Amino acid sequence: MTERLNEVEARRASMEELGGVVDAMRALAAVRLQQATAALGGTRAYAGVVGDALARALAALAEGAPPPGNGHRTARGLVLFGAEHGFVGAFNDPLAERVAADGAPDVLLAAGSRAAAALEERGLRVDHAFAMATQPAGVTAVARRLADRLYDLTAAGTVRRVDLLYRRRPDGAVYRQPLFPVDPARLGPSPGAPPLLGLPAAALVERLADEYVFAQLAHAAVESFASENAARLSVMLSASQNVAERLDAMTRLERRLRQEAITAELLELVGGVG
């Protein structure tokens, strides 16, 4: 009896330690989610400003001059944003399923170690894997590394058309969007009067197109980061509930075993007196 009671007490102490770890991870996920949600407004506004500027620059091009990046090019690339760390449930699975359903691209770039592993588990080749940001401040560096690799691939003629794939807030839905060539129709009508240019229109469009690609990458990374931490928060909330339920059950068992031990000792004492 005493041996079993000691075992239950040890298991309960271990479960309490685990509960502390789960609570810490839950709190961190909540903070990261809050930070990412706050950053989303800024990245969305930044991408919108760059898109508007690009639309105006495109409108200033001489009629019939195609914007950079257009042409009959078919080599397809895909940039996928997923989870860097675990405890996110099935967060990466819908992304991998979407890649398989749409058909493997010619070149697949994955931001997120766990996401890259999920892709490879399904037999999908990851050509370039990157570590995903683990806090909002790291998103810029991730976007810059991806943009640099995309420029290298396009310069080499390896890819000519690239899409983004990520999960976005608030529902975590999988979202796919074209990144480049830049589609003027996607930018919408040029806002306001034609701008006064200090550069040739073609050169301005080229520079703004580069900035547009970076802005879209950064915004997609923040969307994915927010969704990842929302998924982790949900998993940790469920784990916290499970820990609480198990602790409650162990506490009841511990009390019962202790009471049984006390009763057994009393009976032994009473029997000894008789």
C-alpha atoms as a PDB file:
ATOM      1  CA  MET A   1       0.000   0.000   0.000  1.00  0.00           C
ATOM      2  CA  THR A   2       2.733   2.436   1.026  1.00  0.00           C
ATOM      3  CA  GLU A   3       4.751   1.572  -2.088  1.00  0.00           C
ATOM      4  CA  ARG A   4       1.803   2.313  -4.361  1.00  0.00           C
ATOM      5  CA  LEU A   5       1.099   5.570  -2.527  1.00  0.00           C
ATOM      6  CA  ASN A   6       4.711   6.661  -3.021  1.00  0.00           C
ATOM      7  CA  GLU A   7       4.431   5.827  -6.716  1.00  0.00           C
ATOM      8  CA  VAL A   8       1.268   7.918  -7.110  1.00  0.00           C
ATOM      9  CA  GLU A   9       2.837  10.847  -5.233  1.00  0.00           C
ATOM     10  CA  ALA A  10       5.888  10.713  -7.537  1.00  0.00           C
ATOM     11  CA  ARG A  11       3.684  10.615 -10.641  1.00  0.00           C
ATOM     12  CA  ARG A  12       1.642  13.534  -9.342  1.00  0.00           C
ATOM     13  CA  ALA A  13       4.786  15.599  -8.724  1.00  0.00           C
ATOM     14  CA  SER A  14       6.007  14.799 -12.239  1.00  0.00           C
ATOM     15  CA  MET A  15       2.637  15.784 -13.703  1.00  0.00           C
ATOM     16  CA  GLU A  16       2.754  19.098 -11.818  1.00  0.00           C
ATOM     17  CA  GLU A  17       6.158  19.837 -13.359  1.00  0.00           C
ATOM     18  CA  LEU A  18       4.795  18.986 -16.788  1.00  0.00           C
ATOM     19  CA  GLY A  19       1.859  21.284 -16.148  1.00  0.00           C
ATOM     20  CA  GLY A  20       4.278  24.113 -15.414  1.00  0.00           C
ATOM     21  CA  VAL A  21       6.042  23.544 -18.729  1.00  0.00           C
ATOM     22  CA  VAL A  22       2.716  23.457 -20.601  1.00  0.00           C
ATOM     23  CA  ASP A  23       1.579  26.679 -18.919  1.00  0.00           C
ATOM     24  CA  ALA A  24       4.836  28.401 -19.866  1.00  0.00           C
ATOM     25  CA  MET A  25       4.505  27.296 -23.497  1.00  0.00           C
ATOM     26  CA  ARG A  26       0.882  28.398 -23.545  1.00  0.00           C
ATOM     27  CA  ALA A  27       1.795  31.832 -22.214  1.00  0.00           C
ATOM     28  CA  LEU A  28       4.613  32.219 -24.754  1.00  0.00           C
ATOM     29  CA  ALA A  29       2.329  31.204 -27.637  1.00  0.00           C
ATOM     30  CA  ALA A  30      -0.260  33.737 -26.473  1.00  0.00           C
ATOM     31  CA  VAL A  31       2.355  36.503 -26.360  1.00  0.00           C
ATOM     32  CA  ARG A  32       3.725  35.587 -29.796  1.00  0.00           C
ATOM     33  CA  LEU A  33       0.205  35.502 -31.231  1.00  0.00           C
ATOM     34  CA  GLN A  34      -0.562  38.913 -29.783  1.00  0.00           C
ATOM     35  CA  GLN A  35       2.672  40.340 -31.183  1.00  0.00           C
ATOM     36  CA  ALA A  36       2.062  38.849 -34.637  1.00  0.00           C
ATOM     37  CA  THR A  37      -1.536  40.046 -34.724  1.00  0.00           C
ATOM     38  CA  ALA A  38      -0.360  43.565 -33.912  1.00  0.00           C
ATOM     39  CA  ALA A  39       2.294  43.353 -36.657  1.00  0.00           C
ATOM     40  CA  LEU A  40      -0.204  42.210 -39.292  1.00  0.00           C
ATOM     41  CA  GLY A  41      -1.679  45.675 -39.640  1.00  0.00           C
ATOM     42  CA  GLY A  42       1.732  47.136 -40.397  1.00  0.00           C
ATOM     43  CA  THR A  43       2.795  44.525 -42.950  1.00  0.00           C
ATOM     44  CA  ARG A  44      -0.608  44.728 -44.658  1.00  0.00           C
ATOM     45  CA  ALA A  45      -0.382  48.514 -44.878  1.00  0.00           C
ATOM     46  CA  TYR A  46       3.216  48.347 -46.126  1.00  0.00           C
ATOM     47  CA  ALA A  47       2.309  45.862 -48.848  1.00  0.00           C
ATOM     48  CA  GLY A  48      -0.656  48.040 -49.809  1.00  0.00           C
ATOM     49  CA  VAL A  49       1.460  51.191 -50.116  1.00  0.00           C
ATOM     50  CA  VAL A  50       4.057  49.424 -52.255  1.00  0.00           C
ATOM     51  CA  GLY A  51       1.316  47.893 -54.402  1.00  0.00           C
ATOM     52  CA  ASP A  52      -0.290  51.295 -54.971  1.00  0.00           C
ATOM     53  CA  ALA A  53       3.065  52.825 -55.896  1.00  0.00           C
ATOM     54  CA  LEU A  54       3.735  49.994 -58.320  1.00  0.00           C
ATOM     55  CA  ALA A  55       0.307  50.420 -59.909  1.00  0.00           C
ATOM     56  CA  ARG A  56       0.991  54.123 -60.479  1.00  0.00           C
ATOM     57  CA  ALA A  57       4.436  53.416 -61.899  1.00  0.00           C
ATOM     58  CA  LEU A  58       2.992  50.805 -64.262  1.00  0.00           C
ATOM     59  CA  ALA A  59       0.417  53.328 -65.435  1.00  0.00           C
ATOM     60  CA  ALA A  60       3.233  55.735 -66.252  1.00  0.00           C
ATOM     61  CA  LEU A  61       4.933  53.288 -68.602  1.00  0.00           C
ATOM     62  CA  ALA A  62       4.660  54.028 -72.265  1.00  0.00           C
ATOM     63  CA  GLU A  63       1.621  52.300 -73.784  1.00  0.00           C
ATOM     64  CA  GLY A  64       2.501  48.805 -74.943  1.00  0.00           C
ATOM     65  CA  ALA A  65       5.667  48.505 -72.853  1.00  0.00           C
ATOM     66  CA  PRO A  66       5.378  45.281 -70.815  1.00  0.00           C
ATOM     67  CA  PRO A  67       6.296  45.402 -67.140  1.00  0.00           C
ATOM     68  CA  PRO A  68       9.376  43.462 -66.083  1.00  0.00           C
ATOM     69  CA  GLY A  69       8.842  39.755 -65.526  1.00  0.00           C
ATOM     70  CA  ASN A  70       6.085  39.197 -68.109  1.00  0.00           C
ATOM     71  CA  GLY A  71       6.483  36.744 -70.915  1.00  0.00           C
ATOM     72  CA  HIS A  72       5.875  33.148 -71.844  1.00  0.00           C
ATOM     73  CA  ARG A  73       7.587  31.435 -68.948  1.00  0.00           C
ATOM     74  CA  THR A  74       6.318  28.255 -67.407  1.00  0.00           C
ATOM     75  CA  ALA A  75       8.866  27.109 -64.802  1.00  0.00           C
ATOM     76  CA  ARG A  76       6.903  27.308 -61.546  1.00  0.00           C
ATOM     77  CA  GLY A  77       8.170  27.991 -58.066  1.00  0.00           C
ATOM     78  CA  LEU A  78       6.326  27.844 -54.762  1.00  0.00           C
ATOM     79  CA  VAL A  79       7.239  29.486 -51.450  1.00  0.00           C
ATOM     80  CA  LEU A  80       5.562  27.711 -48.537  1.00  0.00           C
ATOM     81  CA  PHE A  81       5.435  29.114 -45.008  1.00  0.00           C
ATOM     82  CA  GLY A  82       4.901  26.608 -42.192  1.00  0.00           C
ATOM     83  CA  ALA A  83       5.851  25.834 -38.616  1.00  0.00           C
ATOM     84  CA  GLU A  84       9.417  25.974 -37.383  1.00  0.00           C
ATOM     85  CA  HIS A  85       8.792  24.122 -34.115  1.00  0.00           C
ATOM     86  CA  GLY A  86       6.420  21.434 -32.902  1.00  0.00           C
ATOM     87  CA  PHE A  87       3.355  21.323 -30.637  1.00  0.00           C
ATOM     88  CA  VAL A  88       1.151  22.749 -33.401  1.00  0.00           C
ATOM     89  CA  GLY A  89      -1.045  19.712 -34.008  1.00  0.00           C
ATOM     90  CA  ALA A  90      -1.804  19.166 -37.689  1.00  0.00           C
ATOM     91  CA  PHE A  91      -0.866  22.726 -38.656  1.00  0.00           C
ATOM     92  CA  ASN A  92       1.468  21.668 -41.489  1.00  0.00           C
ATOM     93  CA  ASP A  93      -0.712  18.886 -42.894  1.00  0.00           C
ATOM     94  CA  PRO A  94      -3.181  21.048 -44.904  1.00  0.00           C
ATOM     95  CA  LEU A  95      -0.247  22.876 -46.486  1.00  0.00           C
ATOM     96  CA  ALA A  96       1.396  19.644 -47.614  1.00  0.00           C
ATOM     97  CA  GLU A  97      -1.936  18.325 -48.841  1.00  0.00           C
ATOM     98  CA  ARG A  98      -2.489  21.480 -50.875  1.00  0.00           C
ATOM     99  CA  VAL A  99       0.929  21.153 -52.528  1.00  0.00           C
ATOM    100  CA  ALA A 100       0.184  17.533 -53.427  1.00  0.00           C
ATOM    101  CA  ALA A 101      -3.292  18.421 -54.710  1.00  0.00           C
ATOM    102  CA  ASP A 102      -2.068  21.324 -56.853  1.00  0.00           C
ATOM    103  CA  GLY A 103       0.843  19.334 -58.269  1.00  0.00           C
ATOM    104  CA  ALA A 104       4.451  19.614 -57.205  1.00  0.00           C
ATOM    105  CA  PRO A 105       6.109  22.834 -58.473  1.00  0.00           C
ATOM    106  CA  ASP A 106       9.375  22.858 -60.370  1.00  0.00           C
ATOM    107  CA  VAL A 107      11.078  24.439 -57.352  1.00  0.00           C
ATOM    108  CA  LEU A 108       9.747  24.308 -53.800  1.00  0.00           C
ATOM    109  CA  LEU A 109      11.029  26.647 -51.094  1.00  0.00           C
ATOM    110  CA  ALA A 110       9.880  25.948 -47.542  1.00  0.00           C
ATOM    111  CA  ALA A 111      10.208  28.308 -44.566  1.00  0.00           C
ATOM    112  CA  GLY A 112       9.822  26.224 -41.406  1.00  0.00           C
ATOM    113  CA  SER A 113      11.749  23.107 -40.393  1.00  0.00           C
ATOM    114  CA  ARG A 114       8.668  21.147 -39.322  1.00  0.00           C
ATOM    115  CA  ALA A 115       6.870  22.143 -42.498  1.00  0.00           C
ATOM    116  CA  ALA A 116       9.775  20.950 -44.651  1.00  0.00           C
ATOM    117  CA  ALA A 117       9.743  17.621 -42.798  1.00  0.00           C
ATOM    118  CA  ALA A 118       5.981  17.259 -43.346  1.00  0.00           C
ATOM    119  CA  LEU A 119       6.450  17.836 -47.081  1.00  0.00           C
ATOM    120  CA  GLU A 120       9.241  15.298 -47.372  1.00  0.00           C
ATOM    121  CA  GLU A 121       7.215  12.728 -45.429  1.00  0.00           C
ATOM    122  CA  ARG A 122       4.686  12.907 -48.249  1.00  0.00           C
ATOM    123  CA  GLY A 123       7.339  12.399 -50.885  1.00  0.00           C
ATOM    124  CA  LEU A 124       7.435  16.076 -51.911  1.00  0.00           C
ATOM    125  CA  ARG A 125      10.948  17.323 -52.678  1.00  0.00           C
ATOM    126  CA  VAL A 126      11.981  20.496 -50.861  1.00  0.00           C
ATOM    127  CA  ASP A 127      14.611  22.252 -52.950  1.00  0.00           C
ATOM    128  CA  HIS A 128      15.428  25.027 -50.514  1.00  0.00           C
ATOM    129  CA  ALA A 129      14.615  24.930 -46.782  1.00  0.00           C
ATOM    130  CA  PHE A 130      14.809  27.955 -44.500  1.00  0.00           C
ATOM    131  CA  ALA A 131      14.333  28.414 -40.773  1.00  0.00           C
ATOM    132  CA  MET A 132      11.107  30.239 -40.057  1.00  0.00           C
ATOM    133  CA  ALA A 133      11.051  33.219 -37.708  1.00  0.00           C
ATOM    134  CA  THR A 134      10.404  32.369 -34.066  1.00  0.00           C
ATOM    135  CA  GLN A 135       9.370  35.923 -33.194  1.00  0.00           C
ATOM    136  CA  PRO A 136       7.901  38.796 -35.246  1.00  0.00           C
ATOM    137  CA  ALA A 137      11.209  40.692 -35.284  1.00  0.00           C
ATOM    138  CA  GLY A 138      12.764  37.835 -37.261  1.00  0.00           C
ATOM    139  CA  VAL A 139      10.273  38.004 -40.131  1.00  0.00           C
ATOM    140  CA  THR A 140      12.230  40.634 -42.065  1.00  0.00           C
ATOM    141  CA  ALA A 141      15.340  38.453 -42.180  1.00  0.00           C
ATOM    142  CA  VAL A 142      13.325  35.448 -43.374  1.00  0.00           C
ATOM    143  CA  ALA A 143      11.661  37.497 -46.120  1.00  0.00           C
ATOM    144  CA  ARG A 144      15.017  38.909 -47.203  1.00  0.00           C
ATOM    145  CA  ARG A 145      16.634  35.461 -47.439  1.00  0.00           C
ATOM    146  CA  LEU A 146      13.718  34.133 -49.469  1.00  0.00           C
ATOM    147  CA  ALA A 147      13.759  37.167 -51.769  1.00  0.00           C
ATOM    148  CA  ASP A 148      17.503  36.779 -52.375  1.00  0.00           C
ATOM    149  CA  ARG A 149      17.092  33.103 -53.253  1.00  0.00           C
ATOM    150  CA  LEU A 150      14.194  33.878 -55.588  1.00  0.00           C
ATOM    151  CA  TYR A 151      16.255  36.529 -57.369  1.00  0.00           C
ATOM    152  CA  ASP A 152      19.054  33.991 -57.841  1.00  0.00           C
ATOM    153  CA  LEU A 153      16.618  31.417 -59.221  1.00  0.00           C
ATOM    154  CA  THR A 154      14.983  33.844 -61.622  1.00  0.00           C
ATOM    155  CA  ALA A 155      18.334  35.204 -62.783  1.00  0.00           C
ATOM    156  CA  ALA A 156      19.420  31.640 -63.568  1.00  0.00           C
ATOM    157  CA  GLY A 157      16.155  30.984 -65.388  1.00  0.00           C
ATOM    158  CA  THR A 158      15.236  28.205 -62.937  1.00  0.00           C
ATOM    159  CA  VAL A 159      11.819  29.706 -62.128  1.00  0.00           C
ATOM    160  CA  ARG A 160       9.699  32.223 -63.972  1.00  0.00           C
ATOM    161  CA  ARG A 161       6.472  32.162 -62.001  1.00  0.00           C
ATOM    162  CA  VAL A 162       6.171  31.963 -58.218  1.00  0.00           C
ATOM    163  CA  ASP A 163       3.240  31.564 -55.815  1.00  0.00           C
ATOM    164  CA  LEU A 164       3.001  31.858 -52.051  1.00  0.00           C
ATOM    165  CA  LEU A 165       1.288  29.273 -49.851  1.00  0.00           C
ATOM    166  CA  TYR A 166       0.550  29.857 -46.181  1.00  0.00           C
ATOM    167  CA  ARG A 167      -2.127  29.780 -43.509  1.00  0.00           C
ATOM    168  CA  ARG A 168      -3.597  33.074 -42.464  1.00  0.00           C
ATOM    169  CA  ARG A 169      -5.606  34.544 -39.649  1.00  0.00           C
ATOM    170  CA  PRO A 170      -8.190  34.519 -38.239  1.00  0.00           C
ATOM    171  CA  ASP A 171      -9.408  31.064 -39.311  1.00  0.00           C
ATOM    172  CA  GLY A 172      -6.074  29.510 -40.323  1.00  0.00           C
ATOM    173  CA  ALA A 173      -7.300  28.804 -43.842  1.00  0.00           C
ATOM    174  CA  VAL A 174      -4.710  27.747 -46.436  1.00  0.00           C
ATOM    175  CA  TYR A 175      -4.189  30.608 -48.871  1.00  0.00           C
ATOM    176  CA  ARG A 176      -2.369  30.581 -52.190  1.00  0.00           C
ATOM    177  CA  GLN A 177      -1.508  33.773 -54.034  1.00  0.00           C
ATOM    178  CA  PRO A 178       0.643  34.642 -57.047  1.00  0.00           C
ATOM    179  CA  LEU A 179       3.812  36.522 -56.215  1.00  0.00           C
ATOM    180  CA  PHE A 180       5.366  37.206 -59.590  1.00  0.00           C
ATOM    181  CA  PRO A 181       5.320  38.030 -62.441  1.00  0.00           C
ATOM    182  CA  VAL A 182       3.443  40.987 -61.023  1.00  0.00           C
ATOM    183  CA  ASP A 183      -0.082  41.068 -62.424  1.00  0.00           C
ATOM    184  CA  PRO A 184      -1.252  44.697 -62.907  1.00  0.00           C
ATOM    185  CA  ALA A 185      -4.861  43.512 -62.664  1.00  0.00           C
ATOM    186  CA  ARG A 186      -4.178  42.170 -59.164  1.00  0.00           C
ATOM    187  CA  LEU A 187      -2.866  45.546 -58.049  1.00  0.00           C
ATOM    188  CA  GLY A 188      -6.085  47.234 -59.051  1.00  0.00           C
ATOM    189  CA  PRO A 189      -6.510  50.584 -60.834  1.00  0.00           C
ATOM    190  CA  SER A 190      -3.813  53.201 -60.492  1.00  0.00           C
ATOM    191  CA  PRO A 191      -4.820  55.540 -57.630  1.00  0.00           C
ATOM    192  CA  GLY A 192      -4.797  59.259 -58.312  1.00  0.00           C
ATOM    193  CA  ALA A 193      -3.059  61.226 -61.031  1.00  0.00           C
ATOM    194  CA  PRO A 194       0.065  59.916 -62.765  1.00  0.00           C
ATOM    195  CA  PRO A 195       3.130  60.614 -60.590  1.00  0.00           C
ATOM    196  CA  LEU A 196       6.046  62.859 -61.382  1.00  0.00           C
ATOM    197  CA  LEU A 197       8.986  60.525 -61.956  1.00  0.00           C
ATOM    198  CA  GLY A 198      12.640  61.108 -61.217  1.00  0.00           C
ATOM    199  CA  LEU A 199      13.590  57.822 -62.878  1.00  0.00           C
ATOM    200  CA  PRO A 200      12.678  56.222 -66.176  1.00  0.00           C
ATOM    201  CA  ALA A 201       9.349  54.463 -65.695  1.00  0.00           C
ATOM    202  CA  ALA A 202      10.784  51.037 -66.520  1.00  0.00           C
ATOM    203  CA  ALA A 203      13.581  51.398 -63.956  1.00  0.00           C
ATOM    204  CA  LEU A 204      11.114  52.587 -61.314  1.00  0.00           C
ATOM    205  CA  VAL A 205       8.790  49.656 -62.005  1.00  0.00           C
ATOM    206  CA  GLU A 206      11.685  47.221 -61.675  1.00  0.00           C
ATOM    207  CA  ARG A 207      12.712  48.626 -58.294  1.00  0.00           C
ATOM    208  CA  LEU A 208       9.154  48.764 -57.012  1.00  0.00           C
ATOM    209  CA  ALA A 209       8.540  45.207 -58.216  1.00  0.00           C
ATOM    210  CA  ASP A 210      11.483  44.067 -56.070  1.00  0.00           C
ATOM    211  CA  GLU A 211      10.036  45.926 -53.080  1.00  0.00           C
ATOM    212  CA  TYR A 212       6.600  44.486 -53.801  1.00  0.00           C
ATOM    213  CA  VAL A 213       7.969  40.931 -53.744  1.00  0.00           C
ATOM    214  CA  PHE A 214       9.691  41.573 -50.408  1.00  0.00           C
ATOM    215  CA  ALA A 215       6.559  43.181 -48.927  1.00  0.00           C
ATOM    216  CA  GLN A 216       4.389  40.221 -49.942  1.00  0.00           C
ATOM    217  CA  LEU A 217       6.896  37.743 -48.531  1.00  0.00           C
ATOM    218  CA  ALA A 218       7.063  39.632 -45.230  1.00  0.00           C
ATOM    219  CA  HIS A 219       3.290  39.830 -44.906  1.00  0.00           C
ATOM    220  CA  ALA A 220       2.852  36.132 -45.719  1.00  0.00           C
ATOM    221  CA  ALA A 221       5.496  35.268 -43.108  1.00  0.00           C
ATOM    222  CA  VAL A 222       3.682  37.262 -40.414  1.00  0.00           C
ATOM    223  CA  GLU A 223       0.339  35.673 -41.360  1.00  0.00           C
ATOM    224  CA  SER A 224       1.908  32.224 -41.079  1.00  0.00           C
ATOM    225  CA  PHE A 225       3.655  33.075 -37.817  1.00  0.00           C
ATOM    226  CA  ALA A 226       0.401  34.273 -36.290  1.00  0.00           C
ATOM    227  CA  SER A 227      -1.451  31.167 -37.467  1.00  0.00           C
ATOM    228  CA  GLU A 228       1.312  28.892 -36.172  1.00  0.00           C
ATOM    229  CA  ASN A 229       1.148  30.388 -32.705  1.00  0.00           C
ATOM    230  CA  ALA A 230      -2.647  30.302 -32.705  1.00  0.00           C
ATOM    231  CA  ALA A 231      -2.402  26.577 -33.432  1.00  0.00           C
ATOM    232  CA  ARG A 232       0.219  26.111 -30.699  1.00  0.00           C
ATOM    233  CA  LEU A 233      -1.916  28.051 -28.214  1.00  0.00           C
ATOM    234  CA  SER A 234      -4.873  25.798 -28.995  1.00  0.00           C
ATOM    235  CA  VAL A 235      -2.760  22.674 -28.496  1.00  0.00           C
ATOM    236  CA  MET A 236      -1.349  23.988 -25.225  1.00  0.00           C
ATOM    237  CA  LEU A 237      -4.813  24.902 -23.935  1.00  0.00           C
ATOM    238  CA  SER A 238      -5.953  21.351 -24.626  1.00  0.00           C
ATOM    239  CA  ALA A 239      -2.816  19.937 -23.010  1.00  0.00           C
ATOM    240  CA  SER A 240      -3.315  22.163 -19.954  1.00  0.00           C
ATOM    241  CA  GLN A 241      -6.855  20.868 -19.577  1.00  0.00           C
ATOM    242  CA  ASN A 242      -5.651  17.279 -19.849  1.00  0.00           C
ATOM    243  CA  VAL A 243      -2.957  17.893 -17.229  1.00  0.00           C
ATOM    244  CA  ALA A 244      -5.527  19.433 -14.876  1.00  0.00           C
ATOM    245  CA  GLU A 245      -7.854  16.461 -15.296  1.00  0.00           C
ATOM    246  CA  ARG A 246      -5.069  13.953 -14.660  1.00  0.00           C
ATOM    247  CA  LEU A 247      -3.856  15.864 -11.614  1.00  0.00           C
ATOM    248  CA  ASP A 248      -7.377  15.877 -10.242  1.00  0.00           C
ATOM    249  CA  ALA A 249      -7.669  12.118 -10.763  1.00  0.00           C
ATOM    250  CA  MET A 250      -4.256  11.510  -9.163  1.00  0.00           C
ATOM    251  CA  THR A 251      -5.151  13.720  -6.208  1.00  0.00           C
ATOM    252  CA  ARG A 252      -8.321  11.718  -5.579  1.00  0.00           C
ATOM    253  CA  LEU A 253      -6.384   8.451  -5.880  1.00  0.00           C
ATOM    254  CA  GLU A 254      -3.657   9.738  -3.577  1.00  0.00           C
ATOM    255  CA  ARG A 255      -6.231  10.710  -0.928  1.00  0.00           C
ATOM    256  CA  ARG A 256      -7.943   7.346  -1.187  1.00  0.00           C
ATOM    257  CA  LEU A 257      -4.673   5.430  -0.875  1.00  0.00           C
ATOM    258  CA  ARG A 258      -3.591   7.540   2.078  1.00  0.00           C
ATOM    259  CA  GLN A 259      -6.931   6.962   3.781  1.00  0.00           C
ATOM    260  CA  GLU A 260      -6.657   3.239   3.115  1.00  0.00           C
ATOM    261  CA  ALA A 261      -3.146   3.230   4.563  1.00  0.00           C
ATOM    262  CA  ILE A 262      -4.328   5.022   7.692  1.00  0.00           C
ATOM    263  CA  THR A 263      -7.267   2.632   8.042  1.00  0.00           C
ATOM    264  CA  ALA A 264      -4.971  -0.383   7.658  1.00  0.00           C
ATOM    265  CA  GLU A 265      -2.638   0.960  10.354  1.00  0.00           C
ATOM    266  CA  LEU A 266      -5.579   1.572  12.698  1.00  0.00           C
ATOM    267  CA  LEU A 267      -6.902  -1.923  12.149  1.00  0.00           C
ATOM    268  CA  GLU A 268      -3.454  -3.323  12.808  1.00  0.00           C
ATOM    269  CA  LEU A 269      -3.209  -1.324  16.055  1.00  0.00           C
ATOM    270  CA  VAL A 270      -6.688  -2.345  17.161  1.00  0.00           C
ATOM    271  CA  GLY A 271      -5.923  -5.968  16.394  1.00  0.00           C
ATOM    272  CA  GLY A 272      -2.709  -5.751  18.380  1.00  0.00           C
ATOM    273  CA  VAL A 273      -4.509  -4.380  21.425  1.00  0.00           C
ATOM    274  CA  GLY A 274      -7.022  -7.217  21.324  1.00  0.00           C
END
